[in-house]
Amino acid sequence: MKKITFAALAVIAVALLAFAPGENEKYTTLAIGDKAPMTDAKMKSIDGKEYSLKSLKASNGTVVIFSCNTCPFVLQWEDRYPQIEEMAIENQIGFALVNSNEAKRSGEDSMAEMKKHASEKGYDKVPYLVDENSALANAFGAKTTPHVFLFDKDWKLVYEGAIDDNGKDASAVKVSYLLNAFSKLAKGEKIDPSNTKAIGCSIKRVKI
């Protein structure tokens, strides 16, 4: 019988922590058809400006992805952020990344680290917003990083869940849930599936 290595134990520990119940369970995730809350709330971005979701809206709607700097699941998927931005623009959909990890704001998810990380990963032109006190995440019922919410032009939720079906390997993706939803939304067609399972690390809220 092979011995379990320290590295393997570390991976298991991270996985267990990522899915551990806690503050996230207090908040109910928006359902398809629900209207987006807090669209007027202004949040600071890595470019030094403040944006509300309403100010980022495009003619066909807006996509919000809850993200962060260090979660292994974000690190797997974030190479797709530039493509998501490109396809959002092409389909006239606004795009925002939101960092709600309030419990890590003085460390790995500080504004300084957000700027550095986005620059290193090539998406520093995307609005990457600080969600103070996890207020937007709480209102949306966002659970993980990443967690996707796509709204139509009337701020009704039309897709919620994962970016695609393979975070580990972009070349092995079989279904691009979000990009398909962009296309369907722009064409006024039904989005199917409209819900998928958001897989990631728990949002690091401050315990109350």
N, C-alpha and C. Protein backbone atom coordinates (compact mmCIF):
# COMPACT_ATOMS: atom_id res chain seq x y z
N MET A 1 0.85 -1.20 0.00
CA MET A 1 0.00 0.00 0.00
C MET A 1 0.88 1.25 0.00
N LYS A 2 0.60 2.18 -0.94
CA LYS A 2 1.43 3.38 -1.06
C LYS A 2 1.13 4.36 0.07
N LYS A 3 2.17 5.02 0.54
CA LYS A 3 2.00 6.03 1.57
C LYS A 3 1.41 7.30 0.95
N ILE A 4 0.56 7.96 1.71
CA ILE A 4 0.00 9.23 1.26
C ILE A 4 1.03 10.32 1.52
N THR A 5 1.41 11.05 0.50
CA THR A 5 2.43 12.09 0.63
C THR A 5 1.85 13.32 1.29
N PHE A 6 2.73 14.17 1.77
CA PHE A 6 2.32 15.44 2.39
C PHE A 6 1.58 16.30 1.38
N ALA A 7 2.07 16.30 0.12
CA ALA A 7 1.43 17.10 -0.92
C ALA A 7 0.00 16.65 -1.17
N ALA A 8 -0.18 15.32 -1.17
CA ALA A 8 -1.53 14.78 -1.39
C ALA A 8 -2.46 15.17 -0.25
N LEU A 9 -1.95 15.13 0.97
CA LEU A 9 -2.74 15.53 2.13
C LEU A 9 -3.12 17.00 2.05
N ALA A 10 -2.19 17.81 1.56
CA ALA A 10 -2.45 19.25 1.43
C ALA A 10 -3.56 19.52 0.43
N VAL A 11 -3.53 18.78 -0.69
CA VAL A 11 -4.58 18.92 -1.70
C VAL A 11 -5.93 18.53 -1.14
N ILE A 12 -5.97 17.43 -0.40
CA ILE A 12 -7.22 16.97 0.21
C ILE A 12 -7.74 18.02 1.20
N ALA A 13 -6.83 18.59 1.99
CA ALA A 13 -7.23 19.59 2.98
C ALA A 13 -7.83 20.81 2.32
N VAL A 14 -7.19 21.27 1.23
CA VAL A 14 -7.71 22.44 0.50
C VAL A 14 -9.09 22.16 -0.05
N ALA A 15 -9.26 20.97 -0.61
CA ALA A 15 -10.56 20.59 -1.18
C ALA A 15 -11.64 20.57 -0.11
N LEU A 16 -11.32 20.03 1.06
CA LEU A 16 -12.30 19.96 2.13
C LEU A 16 -12.67 21.35 2.62
N LEU A 17 -11.68 22.22 2.74
CA LEU A 17 -11.94 23.59 3.17
C LEU A 17 -12.76 24.35 2.14
N ALA A 18 -12.49 24.08 0.86
CA ALA A 18 -13.19 24.79 -0.21
C ALA A 18 -14.68 24.53 -0.16
N PHE A 19 -15.07 23.33 0.23
CA PHE A 19 -16.47 22.96 0.21
C PHE A 19 -17.09 22.89 1.61
N ALA A 20 -16.33 23.29 2.61
CA ALA A 20 -16.84 23.22 3.97
C ALA A 20 -18.01 24.18 4.16
N PRO A 21 -19.07 23.75 4.88
CA PRO A 21 -20.19 24.65 5.15
C PRO A 21 -19.77 25.76 6.07
N GLY A 22 -20.47 26.88 6.04
CA GLY A 22 -20.13 28.00 6.89
C GLY A 22 -20.98 29.19 6.56
N GLU A 23 -20.36 30.37 6.52
CA GLU A 23 -21.07 31.61 6.26
C GLU A 23 -21.85 31.57 4.94
N ASN A 24 -21.33 30.86 3.94
CA ASN A 24 -21.98 30.81 2.63
C ASN A 24 -23.39 30.25 2.70
N GLU A 25 -23.64 29.36 3.64
CA GLU A 25 -24.93 28.69 3.71
C GLU A 25 -26.05 29.60 4.19
N LYS A 26 -25.72 30.78 4.69
CA LYS A 26 -26.73 31.72 5.17
C LYS A 26 -27.48 32.40 4.03
N TYR A 27 -26.92 32.34 2.83
CA TYR A 27 -27.42 33.16 1.73
C TYR A 27 -27.98 32.30 0.61
N THR A 28 -29.18 32.65 0.16
CA THR A 28 -29.85 31.91 -0.89
C THR A 28 -29.46 32.45 -2.26
N THR A 29 -29.02 31.56 -3.14
CA THR A 29 -28.60 31.96 -4.48
C THR A 29 -29.80 32.41 -5.31
N LEU A 30 -29.60 33.49 -6.07
CA LEU A 30 -30.65 33.98 -6.96
C LEU A 30 -31.13 32.87 -7.88
N ALA A 31 -32.43 32.85 -8.14
CA ALA A 31 -33.02 31.86 -9.05
C ALA A 31 -33.16 32.47 -10.43
N ILE A 32 -33.21 31.61 -11.44
CA ILE A 32 -33.41 32.08 -12.80
C ILE A 32 -34.71 32.89 -12.86
N GLY A 33 -34.62 34.07 -13.45
CA GLY A 33 -35.76 34.97 -13.52
C GLY A 33 -35.75 36.06 -12.47
N ASP A 34 -34.95 35.86 -11.39
CA ASP A 34 -34.84 36.89 -10.36
C ASP A 34 -34.12 38.11 -10.92
N LYS A 35 -34.45 39.28 -10.38
CA LYS A 35 -33.79 40.51 -10.81
C LYS A 35 -32.53 40.74 -9.98
N ALA A 36 -31.54 41.32 -10.62
CA ALA A 36 -30.27 41.58 -9.95
C ALA A 36 -30.45 42.65 -8.87
N PRO A 37 -29.97 42.39 -7.66
CA PRO A 37 -29.99 43.41 -6.61
C PRO A 37 -28.74 44.29 -6.69
N MET A 38 -28.78 45.41 -6.02
CA MET A 38 -27.60 46.28 -5.81
C MET A 38 -26.93 46.72 -7.12
N THR A 39 -27.71 46.95 -8.16
CA THR A 39 -27.10 47.35 -9.44
C THR A 39 -26.56 48.78 -9.41
N ASP A 40 -27.00 49.58 -8.41
CA ASP A 40 -26.52 50.97 -8.30
C ASP A 40 -25.34 51.11 -7.35
N ALA A 41 -25.01 50.04 -6.62
CA ALA A 41 -23.93 50.11 -5.63
C ALA A 41 -22.58 50.28 -6.31
N LYS A 42 -21.82 51.27 -5.89
CA LYS A 42 -20.51 51.52 -6.48
C LYS A 42 -19.42 50.73 -5.77
N MET A 43 -18.53 50.17 -6.57
CA MET A 43 -17.42 49.38 -6.04
C MET A 43 -16.10 49.85 -6.66
N LYS A 44 -15.06 49.85 -5.87
CA LYS A 44 -13.75 50.27 -6.37
C LYS A 44 -13.15 49.18 -7.25
N SER A 45 -12.51 49.61 -8.34
CA SER A 45 -11.87 48.69 -9.26
C SER A 45 -10.36 48.87 -9.25
N ILE A 46 -9.68 47.92 -9.85
CA ILE A 46 -8.21 47.96 -9.87
C ILE A 46 -7.66 49.11 -10.70
N ASP A 47 -8.51 49.75 -11.53
CA ASP A 47 -8.03 50.89 -12.32
C ASP A 47 -8.15 52.22 -11.57
N GLY A 48 -8.57 52.15 -10.30
CA GLY A 48 -8.68 53.34 -9.48
C GLY A 48 -10.03 54.02 -9.56
N LYS A 49 -10.90 53.54 -10.43
CA LYS A 49 -12.23 54.12 -10.58
C LYS A 49 -13.26 53.32 -9.81
N GLU A 50 -14.47 53.88 -9.71
CA GLU A 50 -15.57 53.18 -9.08
C GLU A 50 -16.64 52.87 -10.14
N TYR A 51 -17.21 51.68 -10.05
CA TYR A 51 -18.23 51.27 -11.00
C TYR A 51 -19.40 50.64 -10.25
N SER A 52 -20.59 50.84 -10.80
CA SER A 52 -21.75 50.05 -10.38
C SER A 52 -22.00 49.04 -11.48
N LEU A 53 -22.76 48.00 -11.19
CA LEU A 53 -23.11 47.04 -12.24
C LEU A 53 -23.90 47.75 -13.34
N LYS A 54 -24.74 48.70 -12.94
CA LYS A 54 -25.54 49.43 -13.93
C LYS A 54 -24.65 50.20 -14.89
N SER A 55 -23.55 50.76 -14.39
CA SER A 55 -22.65 51.53 -15.25
C SER A 55 -21.89 50.63 -16.23
N LEU A 56 -21.79 49.33 -15.92
CA LEU A 56 -21.06 48.39 -16.78
C LEU A 56 -21.99 47.64 -17.73
N LYS A 57 -23.28 47.82 -17.59
CA LYS A 57 -24.25 47.11 -18.41
C LYS A 57 -24.09 47.47 -19.88
N ALA A 58 -24.24 46.47 -20.76
CA ALA A 58 -24.27 46.71 -22.21
C ALA A 58 -25.70 46.43 -22.70
N SER A 59 -25.92 46.60 -23.98
CA SER A 59 -27.28 46.58 -24.51
C SER A 59 -28.01 45.24 -24.32
N ASN A 60 -27.25 44.13 -24.28
CA ASN A 60 -27.90 42.82 -24.13
C ASN A 60 -27.87 42.26 -22.71
N GLY A 61 -27.13 42.93 -21.82
CA GLY A 61 -27.10 42.45 -20.45
C GLY A 61 -25.74 42.59 -19.79
N THR A 62 -25.54 41.84 -18.73
CA THR A 62 -24.32 41.94 -17.92
C THR A 62 -23.98 40.58 -17.31
N VAL A 63 -22.70 40.24 -17.31
CA VAL A 63 -22.25 39.02 -16.63
C VAL A 63 -21.37 39.42 -15.45
N VAL A 64 -21.61 38.78 -14.32
CA VAL A 64 -20.82 39.00 -13.11
C VAL A 64 -20.18 37.67 -12.72
N ILE A 65 -18.86 37.69 -12.54
CA ILE A 65 -18.16 36.49 -12.08
C ILE A 65 -17.50 36.81 -10.75
N PHE A 66 -17.88 36.09 -9.71
CA PHE A 66 -17.22 36.22 -8.42
C PHE A 66 -15.90 35.47 -8.50
N SER A 67 -14.81 36.17 -8.19
CA SER A 67 -13.47 35.63 -8.40
C SER A 67 -12.58 36.01 -7.23
N CYS A 68 -11.31 35.68 -7.33
CA CYS A 68 -10.33 36.04 -6.30
C CYS A 68 -8.94 35.83 -6.88
N ASN A 69 -7.93 35.82 -6.02
CA ASN A 69 -6.55 35.74 -6.50
C ASN A 69 -5.88 34.38 -6.31
N THR A 70 -6.35 33.58 -5.38
CA THR A 70 -5.57 32.40 -4.99
C THR A 70 -6.31 31.07 -5.04
N CYS A 71 -7.62 31.07 -5.13
CA CYS A 71 -8.35 29.80 -5.14
C CYS A 71 -7.88 28.91 -6.29
N PRO A 72 -7.56 27.65 -6.04
CA PRO A 72 -7.09 26.76 -7.11
C PRO A 72 -8.07 26.64 -8.27
N PHE A 73 -9.36 26.74 -7.99
CA PHE A 73 -10.35 26.62 -9.06
C PHE A 73 -10.35 27.87 -9.94
N VAL A 74 -10.17 29.04 -9.33
CA VAL A 74 -10.02 30.26 -10.13
C VAL A 74 -8.76 30.17 -10.98
N LEU A 75 -7.68 29.70 -10.39
CA LEU A 75 -6.42 29.60 -11.13
C LEU A 75 -6.56 28.66 -12.33
N GLN A 76 -7.43 27.67 -12.22
CA GLN A 76 -7.67 26.77 -13.35
C GLN A 76 -8.46 27.47 -14.46
N TRP A 77 -9.44 28.27 -14.08
CA TRP A 77 -10.37 28.84 -15.05
C TRP A 77 -9.98 30.23 -15.57
N GLU A 78 -9.17 30.98 -14.84
CA GLU A 78 -9.01 32.39 -15.17
C GLU A 78 -8.25 32.65 -16.47
N ASP A 79 -7.62 31.62 -17.04
CA ASP A 79 -7.02 31.82 -18.36
C ASP A 79 -8.08 32.09 -19.42
N ARG A 80 -9.35 31.80 -19.08
CA ARG A 80 -10.46 32.04 -20.00
C ARG A 80 -11.09 33.43 -19.85
N TYR A 81 -10.67 34.18 -18.84
CA TYR A 81 -11.26 35.51 -18.63
C TYR A 81 -11.09 36.44 -19.84
N PRO A 82 -9.91 36.53 -20.45
CA PRO A 82 -9.79 37.39 -21.63
C PRO A 82 -10.73 36.99 -22.76
N GLN A 83 -10.91 35.69 -22.98
CA GLN A 83 -11.84 35.22 -24.02
C GLN A 83 -13.27 35.56 -23.65
N ILE A 84 -13.60 35.42 -22.38
CA ILE A 84 -14.95 35.77 -21.92
C ILE A 84 -15.21 37.26 -22.16
N GLU A 85 -14.21 38.10 -21.84
CA GLU A 85 -14.36 39.53 -22.08
C GLU A 85 -14.58 39.80 -23.57
N GLU A 86 -13.78 39.17 -24.41
CA GLU A 86 -13.89 39.37 -25.86
C GLU A 86 -15.28 38.96 -26.37
N MET A 87 -15.76 37.81 -25.91
CA MET A 87 -17.06 37.33 -26.37
C MET A 87 -18.20 38.17 -25.78
N ALA A 88 -18.00 38.69 -24.57
CA ALA A 88 -19.01 39.57 -23.98
C ALA A 88 -19.14 40.84 -24.81
N ILE A 89 -18.02 41.42 -25.18
CA ILE A 89 -18.05 42.62 -26.01
C ILE A 89 -18.71 42.34 -27.35
N GLU A 90 -18.34 41.21 -27.95
CA GLU A 90 -18.90 40.84 -29.26
C GLU A 90 -20.41 40.67 -29.19
N ASN A 91 -20.90 40.19 -28.05
CA ASN A 91 -22.34 39.97 -27.90
C ASN A 91 -23.04 41.10 -27.14
N GLN A 92 -22.32 42.20 -26.96
CA GLN A 92 -22.86 43.40 -26.31
C GLN A 92 -23.40 43.09 -24.91
N ILE A 93 -22.52 42.47 -24.14
CA ILE A 93 -22.81 42.11 -22.75
C ILE A 93 -21.74 42.71 -21.86
N GLY A 94 -22.14 43.43 -20.82
CA GLY A 94 -21.19 43.99 -19.88
C GLY A 94 -20.52 42.90 -19.06
N PHE A 95 -19.32 43.18 -18.52
CA PHE A 95 -18.56 42.16 -17.81
C PHE A 95 -17.90 42.75 -16.58
N ALA A 96 -18.06 42.06 -15.46
CA ALA A 96 -17.40 42.48 -14.22
C ALA A 96 -16.91 41.27 -13.45
N LEU A 97 -15.69 41.37 -12.92
CA LEU A 97 -15.17 40.41 -11.96
C LEU A 97 -15.31 41.03 -10.58
N VAL A 98 -15.74 40.24 -9.61
CA VAL A 98 -15.99 40.77 -8.27
C VAL A 98 -15.24 39.92 -7.24
N ASN A 99 -14.47 40.58 -6.41
CA ASN A 99 -13.74 39.90 -5.34
C ASN A 99 -14.44 40.18 -4.01
N SER A 100 -15.06 39.15 -3.46
CA SER A 100 -15.85 39.29 -2.23
C SER A 100 -15.17 38.67 -1.01
N ASN A 101 -13.89 38.31 -1.13
CA ASN A 101 -13.18 37.64 -0.04
C ASN A 101 -12.78 38.64 1.06
N GLU A 102 -13.78 39.16 1.77
CA GLU A 102 -13.54 40.19 2.77
C GLU A 102 -12.62 39.71 3.88
N ALA A 103 -12.69 38.44 4.22
CA ALA A 103 -11.86 37.92 5.31
C ALA A 103 -10.37 37.86 4.94
N LYS A 104 -10.06 38.04 3.66
CA LYS A 104 -8.66 38.01 3.21
C LYS A 104 -8.24 39.35 2.62
N ARG A 105 -9.02 40.41 2.93
CA ARG A 105 -8.79 41.71 2.29
C ARG A 105 -7.47 42.35 2.70
N SER A 106 -6.97 42.02 3.86
CA SER A 106 -5.70 42.62 4.29
C SER A 106 -4.51 41.81 3.82
N GLY A 107 -4.77 40.71 3.12
CA GLY A 107 -3.68 39.85 2.66
C GLY A 107 -3.76 39.53 1.20
N GLU A 108 -4.06 38.28 0.87
CA GLU A 108 -4.00 37.80 -0.51
C GLU A 108 -5.04 38.41 -1.43
N ASP A 109 -6.11 38.95 -0.87
CA ASP A 109 -7.14 39.57 -1.70
C ASP A 109 -7.26 41.07 -1.45
N SER A 110 -6.15 41.69 -1.13
CA SER A 110 -6.11 43.15 -1.01
C SER A 110 -6.17 43.77 -2.40
N MET A 111 -6.47 45.06 -2.45
CA MET A 111 -6.51 45.75 -3.74
C MET A 111 -5.16 45.67 -4.45
N ALA A 112 -4.08 45.82 -3.70
CA ALA A 112 -2.74 45.76 -4.29
C ALA A 112 -2.49 44.40 -4.93
N GLU A 113 -2.90 43.34 -4.23
CA GLU A 113 -2.70 41.99 -4.77
C GLU A 113 -3.63 41.73 -5.95
N MET A 114 -4.83 42.30 -5.93
CA MET A 114 -5.75 42.17 -7.07
C MET A 114 -5.14 42.79 -8.32
N LYS A 115 -4.58 43.99 -8.18
CA LYS A 115 -3.93 44.67 -9.31
C LYS A 115 -2.78 43.83 -9.86
N LYS A 116 -1.95 43.36 -8.95
CA LYS A 116 -0.79 42.56 -9.35
C LYS A 116 -1.22 41.29 -10.06
N HIS A 117 -2.19 40.58 -9.47
CA HIS A 117 -2.61 39.29 -10.02
C HIS A 117 -3.26 39.46 -11.39
N ALA A 118 -4.16 40.43 -11.52
CA ALA A 118 -4.84 40.66 -12.80
C ALA A 118 -3.84 41.02 -13.89
N SER A 119 -2.82 41.81 -13.54
CA SER A 119 -1.80 42.19 -14.50
C SER A 119 -0.99 40.98 -14.94
N GLU A 120 -0.62 40.14 -13.99
CA GLU A 120 0.16 38.93 -14.31
C GLU A 120 -0.62 37.97 -15.18
N LYS A 121 -1.93 37.91 -15.00
CA LYS A 121 -2.77 36.95 -15.72
C LYS A 121 -3.41 37.53 -16.98
N GLY A 122 -3.17 38.82 -17.24
CA GLY A 122 -3.59 39.39 -18.51
C GLY A 122 -5.04 39.83 -18.59
N TYR A 123 -5.66 40.12 -17.43
CA TYR A 123 -7.03 40.64 -17.51
C TYR A 123 -7.18 41.93 -16.69
N ASP A 124 -6.11 42.71 -16.65
CA ASP A 124 -6.14 43.94 -15.88
C ASP A 124 -6.96 45.05 -16.53
N LYS A 125 -7.47 44.84 -17.75
CA LYS A 125 -8.35 45.82 -18.38
C LYS A 125 -9.81 45.55 -18.05
N VAL A 126 -10.09 44.40 -17.45
CA VAL A 126 -11.45 44.05 -17.05
C VAL A 126 -11.75 44.71 -15.70
N PRO A 127 -12.93 45.30 -15.51
CA PRO A 127 -13.27 45.81 -14.19
C PRO A 127 -13.22 44.68 -13.16
N TYR A 128 -12.30 44.79 -12.20
CA TYR A 128 -12.12 43.80 -11.14
C TYR A 128 -12.41 44.54 -9.85
N LEU A 129 -13.55 44.27 -9.26
CA LEU A 129 -14.14 45.11 -8.23
C LEU A 129 -14.02 44.53 -6.83
N VAL A 130 -13.84 45.42 -5.85
CA VAL A 130 -13.82 45.03 -4.45
C VAL A 130 -15.24 45.10 -3.89
N ASP A 131 -15.73 43.98 -3.44
CA ASP A 131 -17.06 43.88 -2.83
C ASP A 131 -16.91 44.00 -1.32
N GLU A 132 -17.01 45.22 -0.81
CA GLU A 132 -16.78 45.46 0.61
C GLU A 132 -17.81 44.73 1.46
N ASN A 133 -17.31 44.05 2.48
CA ASN A 133 -18.13 43.28 3.42
C ASN A 133 -18.95 42.19 2.73
N SER A 134 -18.51 41.80 1.53
CA SER A 134 -19.18 40.74 0.76
C SER A 134 -20.65 41.07 0.51
N ALA A 135 -20.98 42.35 0.44
CA ALA A 135 -22.38 42.77 0.33
C ALA A 135 -23.04 42.26 -0.95
N LEU A 136 -22.33 42.37 -2.09
CA LEU A 136 -22.92 41.91 -3.35
C LEU A 136 -23.04 40.39 -3.36
N ALA A 137 -22.01 39.71 -2.87
CA ALA A 137 -22.06 38.24 -2.80
C ALA A 137 -23.23 37.78 -1.93
N ASN A 138 -23.46 38.47 -0.83
CA ASN A 138 -24.57 38.11 0.04
C ASN A 138 -25.90 38.32 -0.67
N ALA A 139 -26.04 39.43 -1.39
CA ALA A 139 -27.29 39.74 -2.10
C ALA A 139 -27.55 38.76 -3.23
N PHE A 140 -26.49 38.31 -3.89
CA PHE A 140 -26.63 37.36 -4.99
C PHE A 140 -26.75 35.91 -4.48
N GLY A 141 -26.29 35.69 -3.26
CA GLY A 141 -26.19 34.32 -2.77
C GLY A 141 -25.06 33.58 -3.46
N ALA A 142 -24.01 34.31 -3.82
CA ALA A 142 -22.85 33.69 -4.46
C ALA A 142 -22.15 32.79 -3.45
N LYS A 143 -21.75 31.61 -3.89
CA LYS A 143 -21.18 30.62 -2.99
C LYS A 143 -19.68 30.41 -3.17
N THR A 144 -19.22 30.48 -4.42
CA THR A 144 -17.86 30.03 -4.72
C THR A 144 -17.09 31.03 -5.56
N THR A 145 -15.80 30.79 -5.64
CA THR A 145 -14.97 31.45 -6.65
C THR A 145 -14.40 30.34 -7.53
N PRO A 146 -14.77 30.34 -8.84
CA PRO A 146 -15.67 31.29 -9.51
C PRO A 146 -17.14 30.91 -9.36
N HIS A 147 -18.03 31.89 -9.53
CA HIS A 147 -19.49 31.69 -9.58
C HIS A 147 -20.04 32.72 -10.55
N VAL A 148 -20.72 32.25 -11.58
CA VAL A 148 -21.17 33.09 -12.69
C VAL A 148 -22.64 33.45 -12.55
N PHE A 149 -22.97 34.73 -12.83
CA PHE A 149 -24.35 35.20 -12.90
C PHE A 149 -24.49 36.04 -14.17
N LEU A 150 -25.35 35.62 -15.08
CA LEU A 150 -25.58 36.35 -16.34
C LEU A 150 -27.01 36.90 -16.33
N PHE A 151 -27.11 38.21 -16.54
CA PHE A 151 -28.40 38.89 -16.54
C PHE A 151 -28.72 39.45 -17.93
N ASP A 152 -30.01 39.50 -18.26
CA ASP A 152 -30.41 40.08 -19.54
C ASP A 152 -30.51 41.60 -19.41
N LYS A 153 -30.98 42.27 -20.44
CA LYS A 153 -31.03 43.73 -20.46
C LYS A 153 -31.98 44.30 -19.42
N ASP A 154 -32.90 43.49 -18.93
CA ASP A 154 -33.84 43.93 -17.90
C ASP A 154 -33.41 43.49 -16.51
N TRP A 155 -32.16 43.03 -16.39
CA TRP A 155 -31.57 42.59 -15.13
C TRP A 155 -32.21 41.32 -14.57
N LYS A 156 -32.79 40.51 -15.43
CA LYS A 156 -33.30 39.21 -15.00
C LYS A 156 -32.22 38.15 -15.19
N LEU A 157 -32.05 37.30 -14.19
CA LEU A 157 -31.02 36.26 -14.26
C LEU A 157 -31.42 35.20 -15.29
N VAL A 158 -30.50 34.95 -16.24
CA VAL A 158 -30.79 33.97 -17.30
C VAL A 158 -29.83 32.79 -17.29
N TYR A 159 -28.68 32.93 -16.60
CA TYR A 159 -27.76 31.81 -16.46
C TYR A 159 -27.00 31.97 -15.14
N GLU A 160 -26.79 30.85 -14.45
CA GLU A 160 -26.06 30.86 -13.18
C GLU A 160 -25.30 29.56 -13.02
N GLY A 161 -24.04 29.65 -12.59
CA GLY A 161 -23.29 28.44 -12.34
C GLY A 161 -21.82 28.51 -12.72
N ALA A 162 -21.38 27.54 -13.53
CA ALA A 162 -19.97 27.39 -13.90
C ALA A 162 -19.68 28.04 -15.25
N ILE A 163 -18.40 28.27 -15.51
CA ILE A 163 -17.95 28.84 -16.79
C ILE A 163 -18.09 27.82 -17.91
N ASP A 164 -17.59 26.62 -17.66
CA ASP A 164 -17.69 25.53 -18.64
C ASP A 164 -17.54 24.21 -17.91
N ASP A 165 -17.40 23.11 -18.64
CA ASP A 165 -17.39 21.80 -17.99
C ASP A 165 -16.01 21.22 -17.72
N ASN A 166 -14.95 22.04 -17.87
CA ASN A 166 -13.61 21.51 -17.61
C ASN A 166 -12.67 22.64 -17.19
N GLY A 167 -12.56 22.83 -15.88
CA GLY A 167 -11.66 23.86 -15.39
C GLY A 167 -10.20 23.52 -15.57
N LYS A 168 -9.88 22.24 -15.59
CA LYS A 168 -8.48 21.82 -15.63
C LYS A 168 -7.83 22.01 -16.99
N ASP A 169 -8.61 21.92 -18.06
CA ASP A 169 -8.02 21.91 -19.40
C ASP A 169 -8.97 22.58 -20.40
N ALA A 170 -8.65 23.81 -20.79
CA ALA A 170 -9.50 24.56 -21.72
C ALA A 170 -9.67 23.83 -23.05
N SER A 171 -8.63 23.11 -23.46
CA SER A 171 -8.69 22.41 -24.75
C SER A 171 -9.60 21.20 -24.71
N ALA A 172 -9.95 20.75 -23.49
CA ALA A 172 -10.79 19.56 -23.33
C ALA A 172 -12.25 19.91 -23.01
N VAL A 173 -12.58 21.21 -23.06
CA VAL A 173 -13.95 21.63 -22.76
C VAL A 173 -14.91 21.07 -23.81
N LYS A 174 -15.96 20.45 -23.36
CA LYS A 174 -16.99 19.92 -24.27
C LYS A 174 -18.18 20.86 -24.38
N VAL A 175 -18.53 21.53 -23.26
CA VAL A 175 -19.65 22.46 -23.27
C VAL A 175 -19.22 23.78 -22.62
N SER A 176 -19.21 24.84 -23.40
CA SER A 176 -18.87 26.17 -22.87
C SER A 176 -20.16 26.85 -22.41
N TYR A 177 -20.57 26.54 -21.19
CA TYR A 177 -21.87 27.00 -20.70
C TYR A 177 -22.05 28.50 -20.85
N LEU A 178 -21.07 29.28 -20.39
CA LEU A 178 -21.22 30.73 -20.38
C LEU A 178 -21.18 31.32 -21.78
N LEU A 179 -20.22 30.89 -22.61
CA LEU A 179 -20.13 31.43 -23.96
C LEU A 179 -21.37 31.07 -24.78
N ASN A 180 -21.88 29.87 -24.58
CA ASN A 180 -23.12 29.48 -25.26
C ASN A 180 -24.28 30.36 -24.80
N ALA A 181 -24.29 30.67 -23.50
CA ALA A 181 -25.35 31.52 -22.96
C ALA A 181 -25.26 32.93 -23.55
N PHE A 182 -24.03 33.44 -23.73
CA PHE A 182 -23.85 34.74 -24.39
C PHE A 182 -24.53 34.75 -25.75
N SER A 183 -24.22 33.75 -26.55
CA SER A 183 -24.75 33.67 -27.91
C SER A 183 -26.27 33.58 -27.91
N LYS A 184 -26.81 32.74 -27.05
CA LYS A 184 -28.26 32.57 -26.96
C LYS A 184 -28.93 33.87 -26.52
N LEU A 185 -28.34 34.53 -25.53
CA LEU A 185 -28.90 35.77 -25.03
C LEU A 185 -28.92 36.84 -26.11
N ALA A 186 -27.83 36.97 -26.84
CA ALA A 186 -27.74 37.97 -27.89
C ALA A 186 -28.75 37.72 -29.01
N LYS A 187 -29.07 36.45 -29.24
CA LYS A 187 -30.01 36.09 -30.30
C LYS A 187 -31.46 36.03 -29.81
N GLY A 188 -31.65 36.23 -28.50
CA GLY A 188 -32.99 36.16 -27.94
C GLY A 188 -33.53 34.76 -27.86
N GLU A 189 -32.62 33.77 -27.78
CA GLU A 189 -33.01 32.37 -27.71
C GLU A 189 -32.96 31.86 -26.27
N LYS A 190 -33.64 30.76 -26.03
CA LYS A 190 -33.66 30.16 -24.70
C LYS A 190 -32.29 29.58 -24.35
N ILE A 191 -31.86 29.86 -23.13
CA ILE A 191 -30.57 29.35 -22.65
C ILE A 191 -30.78 28.02 -21.95
N ASP A 192 -30.09 27.00 -22.44
CA ASP A 192 -30.24 25.66 -21.89
C ASP A 192 -28.87 24.95 -21.93
N PRO A 193 -28.31 24.60 -20.77
CA PRO A 193 -28.89 24.74 -19.44
C PRO A 193 -28.77 26.17 -18.91
N SER A 194 -29.73 26.55 -18.07
CA SER A 194 -29.68 27.88 -17.45
C SER A 194 -29.04 27.82 -16.06
N ASN A 195 -28.90 26.61 -15.53
CA ASN A 195 -28.22 26.39 -14.25
C ASN A 195 -27.20 25.27 -14.38
N THR A 196 -26.01 25.49 -13.86
CA THR A 196 -25.04 24.41 -13.71
C THR A 196 -24.44 24.54 -12.31
N LYS A 197 -23.69 23.55 -11.88
CA LYS A 197 -23.12 23.60 -10.54
C LYS A 197 -21.85 24.44 -10.52
N ALA A 198 -21.86 25.48 -9.71
CA ALA A 198 -20.66 26.30 -9.53
C ALA A 198 -19.68 25.54 -8.65
N ILE A 199 -18.50 25.29 -9.17
CA ILE A 199 -17.47 24.53 -8.45
C ILE A 199 -16.32 25.46 -8.11
N GLY A 200 -15.95 25.51 -6.84
CA GLY A 200 -14.86 26.38 -6.47
C GLY A 200 -14.64 26.43 -4.98
N CYS A 201 -13.84 27.40 -4.55
CA CYS A 201 -13.59 27.62 -3.13
C CYS A 201 -14.71 28.48 -2.55
N SER A 202 -15.00 28.30 -1.30
CA SER A 202 -16.03 29.11 -0.66
C SER A 202 -15.56 30.57 -0.61
N ILE A 203 -16.52 31.48 -0.76
CA ILE A 203 -16.21 32.90 -0.61
C ILE A 203 -15.86 33.16 0.85
N LYS A 204 -14.78 33.87 1.09
CA LYS A 204 -14.26 34.06 2.45
C LYS A 204 -14.91 35.29 3.09
N ARG A 205 -16.11 35.09 3.58
CA ARG A 205 -16.85 36.14 4.28
C ARG A 205 -16.33 36.30 5.71
N VAL A 206 -16.50 37.49 6.26
CA VAL A 206 -16.17 37.71 7.68
C VAL A 206 -17.31 37.13 8.50
N LYS A 207 -16.99 36.29 9.46
CA LYS A 207 -18.02 35.68 10.28
C LYS A 207 -18.66 36.71 11.20
N ILE A 208 -19.98 36.67 11.25
CA ILE A 208 -20.73 37.63 12.09
C ILE A 208 -21.18 36.93 13.37
